[in-house]
Amino acid sequence: MSKKRNFSTEEKLSILKESSEEGVTITLKKHGIYPATYYGWKKKFEEMGEEGLAHGVTPKQLKEIRRLEKENELLKKLLAEKELEVHLQDEMLKKKYAWAKKKN
């Protein structure tokens, strides 16, 4: 099993430049990089320039993650409230019809 390698921003830029000059497949094989990694770097570079290569997550992705976390928290609260409501309704029904069980 190979060890995961972390590339510096400069190395990523060099690889992106090299791939445009020598071809993507050759460059990826030379450096042992998966195509998904390369295309991820390329997309970040196109969106944000060098700054995009320095970060694991783009600001746009971070904003979306935060939005989804807030939405998830709200949904958890709504679910908990609904479960509590159902539980209370069950308890009320048990008390309301407790006399029916006693007659049997």
C-alpha atoms as a PDB file:
ATOM      1  CA  MET A   1       0.000   0.000   0.000  1.00  0.00           C
ATOM      2  CA  SER A   2       1.461   3.344  -1.021  1.00  0.00           C
ATOM      3  CA  LYS A   3       1.698   6.311   1.299  1.00  0.00           C
ATOM      4  CA  LYS A   4      -0.523   9.300   0.488  1.00  0.00           C
ATOM      5  CA  ARG A   5       1.545  12.179  -0.814  1.00  0.00           C
ATOM      6  CA  ASN A   6       0.704  15.820  -0.226  1.00  0.00           C
ATOM      7  CA  PHE A   7       1.671  18.161  -3.022  1.00  0.00           C
ATOM      8  CA  SER A   8       2.556  21.793  -2.416  1.00  0.00           C
ATOM      9  CA  THR A   9       0.828  24.553  -4.342  1.00  0.00           C
ATOM     10  CA  GLU A  10       3.960  25.001  -6.446  1.00  0.00           C
ATOM     11  CA  GLU A  11       4.090  21.281  -7.284  1.00  0.00           C
ATOM     12  CA  LYS A  12       0.429  21.299  -8.291  1.00  0.00           C
ATOM     13  CA  LEU A  13       0.992  24.319 -10.542  1.00  0.00           C
ATOM     14  CA  SER A  14       4.007  22.626 -12.096  1.00  0.00           C
ATOM     15  CA  ILE A  15       2.030  19.450 -12.771  1.00  0.00           C
ATOM     16  CA  LEU A  16      -0.870  21.408 -14.298  1.00  0.00           C
ATOM     17  CA  LYS A  17       1.560  23.259 -16.585  1.00  0.00           C
ATOM     18  CA  GLU A  18       3.420  20.068 -17.474  1.00  0.00           C
ATOM     19  CA  SER A  19       0.183  18.273 -18.348  1.00  0.00           C
ATOM     20  CA  SER A  20      -0.792  21.018 -20.794  1.00  0.00           C
ATOM     21  CA  GLU A  21       2.612  20.748 -22.480  1.00  0.00           C
ATOM     22  CA  GLU A  22       3.237  16.985 -22.425  1.00  0.00           C
ATOM     23  CA  GLY A  23      -0.257  15.545 -22.111  1.00  0.00           C
ATOM     24  CA  VAL A  24      -2.388  14.597 -19.134  1.00  0.00           C
ATOM     25  CA  THR A  25      -1.963  10.803 -19.233  1.00  0.00           C
ATOM     26  CA  ILE A  26       1.835  10.902 -19.438  1.00  0.00           C
ATOM     27  CA  THR A  27       2.101  13.506 -16.664  1.00  0.00           C
ATOM     28  CA  LEU A  28      -0.260  11.620 -14.337  1.00  0.00           C
ATOM     29  CA  LYS A  29       1.661   8.374 -14.783  1.00  0.00           C
ATOM     30  CA  LYS A  30       4.978  10.149 -14.243  1.00  0.00           C
ATOM     31  CA  HIS A  31       3.833  11.654 -10.927  1.00  0.00           C
ATOM     32  CA  GLY A  32       1.565   8.788  -9.831  1.00  0.00           C
ATOM     33  CA  ILE A  33      -1.564  10.923  -9.637  1.00  0.00           C
ATOM     34  CA  TYR A  34      -5.135   9.743 -10.124  1.00  0.00           C
ATOM     35  CA  PRO A  35      -7.138  11.526 -12.835  1.00  0.00           C
ATOM     36  CA  ALA A  36      -9.779  12.583 -10.278  1.00  0.00           C
ATOM     37  CA  THR A  37      -7.097  14.321  -8.229  1.00  0.00           C
ATOM     38  CA  TYR A  38      -5.703  16.094 -11.283  1.00  0.00           C
ATOM     39  CA  TYR A  39      -9.102  17.268 -12.524  1.00  0.00           C
ATOM     40  CA  GLY A  40     -10.005  18.428  -9.013  1.00  0.00           C
ATOM     41  CA  TRP A  41      -6.855  20.573  -8.935  1.00  0.00           C
ATOM     42  CA  LYS A  42      -7.568  21.870 -12.428  1.00  0.00           C
ATOM     43  CA  LYS A  43     -11.135  22.870 -11.515  1.00  0.00           C
ATOM     44  CA  LYS A  44     -10.017  24.634  -8.327  1.00  0.00           C
ATOM     45  CA  PHE A  45      -7.261  26.433 -10.228  1.00  0.00           C
ATOM     46  CA  GLU A  46      -9.718  27.581 -12.900  1.00  0.00           C
ATOM     47  CA  GLU A  47     -12.215  28.786 -10.278  1.00  0.00           C
ATOM     48  CA  MET A  48      -9.842  30.449  -7.802  1.00  0.00           C
ATOM     49  CA  GLY A  49      -6.347  30.530  -9.252  1.00  0.00           C
ATOM     50  CA  GLU A  50      -3.380  29.598  -7.050  1.00  0.00           C
ATOM     51  CA  GLU A  51      -5.405  30.169  -3.879  1.00  0.00           C
ATOM     52  CA  GLY A  52      -7.715  27.321  -4.878  1.00  0.00           C
ATOM     53  CA  LEU A  53      -4.804  24.892  -4.911  1.00  0.00           C
ATOM     54  CA  ALA A  54      -3.713  25.859  -1.402  1.00  0.00           C
ATOM     55  CA  HIS A  55      -6.945  24.786   0.246  1.00  0.00           C
ATOM     56  CA  GLY A  56      -8.631  21.418   0.495  1.00  0.00           C
ATOM     57  CA  VAL A  57     -12.076  23.009   0.256  1.00  0.00           C
ATOM     58  CA  THR A  58     -13.065  26.059  -1.762  1.00  0.00           C
ATOM     59  CA  PRO A  59     -14.967  28.891  -0.046  1.00  0.00           C
ATOM     60  CA  LYS A  60     -17.991  28.065  -2.198  1.00  0.00           C
ATOM     61  CA  GLN A  61     -17.912  24.445  -0.993  1.00  0.00           C
ATOM     62  CA  LEU A  62     -17.403  25.550   2.612  1.00  0.00           C
ATOM     63  CA  LYS A  63     -20.422  27.854   2.406  1.00  0.00           C
ATOM     64  CA  GLU A  64     -22.546  25.018   1.031  1.00  0.00           C
ATOM     65  CA  ILE A  65     -21.328  22.655   3.789  1.00  0.00           C
ATOM     66  CA  ARG A  66     -22.300  25.187   6.462  1.00  0.00           C
ATOM     67  CA  ARG A  67     -25.719  25.703   4.863  1.00  0.00           C
ATOM     68  CA  LEU A  68     -26.321  21.959   4.769  1.00  0.00           C
ATOM     69  CA  GLU A  69     -25.190  21.576   8.404  1.00  0.00           C
ATOM     70  CA  LYS A  70     -27.706  24.237   9.495  1.00  0.00           C
ATOM     71  CA  GLU A  71     -30.447  22.582   7.468  1.00  0.00           C
ATOM     72  CA  ASN A  72     -29.539  19.190   8.955  1.00  0.00           C
ATOM     73  CA  GLU A  73     -29.698  20.594  12.495  1.00  0.00           C
ATOM     74  CA  LEU A  74     -33.128  22.098  11.812  1.00  0.00           C
ATOM     75  CA  LEU A  75     -34.392  18.797  10.396  1.00  0.00           C
ATOM     76  CA  LYS A  76     -33.104  16.922  13.463  1.00  0.00           C
ATOM     77  CA  LYS A  77     -34.999  19.330  15.746  1.00  0.00           C
ATOM     78  CA  LEU A  78     -38.184  18.984  13.702  1.00  0.00           C
ATOM     79  CA  LEU A  79     -37.903  15.199  13.808  1.00  0.00           C
ATOM     80  CA  ALA A  80     -37.353  15.218  17.583  1.00  0.00           C
ATOM     81  CA  GLU A  81     -40.400  17.468  18.074  1.00  0.00           C
ATOM     82  CA  LYS A  82     -42.519  15.207  15.875  1.00  0.00           C
ATOM     83  CA  GLU A  83     -41.395  12.087  17.757  1.00  0.00           C
ATOM     84  CA  LEU A  84     -42.223  13.760  21.072  1.00  0.00           C
ATOM     85  CA  GLU A  85     -45.639  14.770  19.755  1.00  0.00           C
ATOM     86  CA  VAL A  86     -46.401  11.199  18.649  1.00  0.00           C
ATOM     87  CA  HIS A  87     -45.214   9.816  21.999  1.00  0.00           C
ATOM     88  CA  LEU A  88     -47.457  12.247  23.922  1.00  0.00           C
ATOM     89  CA  GLN A  89     -50.432  11.358  21.719  1.00  0.00           C
ATOM     90  CA  ASP A  90     -49.856   7.658  22.411  1.00  0.00           C
ATOM     91  CA  GLU A  91     -49.727   8.329  26.158  1.00  0.00           C
ATOM     92  CA  MET A  92     -52.944  10.367  26.022  1.00  0.00           C
ATOM     93  CA  LEU A  93     -54.724   7.608  24.126  1.00  0.00           C
ATOM     94  CA  LYS A  94     -53.572   5.014  26.645  1.00  0.00           C
ATOM     95  CA  LYS A  95     -54.966   7.111  29.506  1.00  0.00           C
ATOM     96  CA  LYS A  96     -58.188   7.939  27.649  1.00  0.00           C
ATOM     97  CA  TYR A  97     -58.967   4.299  26.869  1.00  0.00           C
ATOM     98  CA  ALA A  98     -57.571   2.769  30.035  1.00  0.00           C
ATOM     99  CA  TRP A  99     -61.159   2.114  31.231  1.00  0.00           C
ATOM    100  CA  ALA A 100     -61.776  -0.135  28.181  1.00  0.00           C
ATOM    101  CA  LYS A 101     -58.934  -2.427  29.198  1.00  0.00           C
ATOM    102  CA  LYS A 102     -60.207  -2.671  32.780  1.00  0.00           C
ATOM    103  CA  LYS A 103     -63.635  -3.949  31.661  1.00  0.00           C
ATOM    104  CA  ASN A 104     -62.109  -6.931  29.798  1.00  0.00           C
END
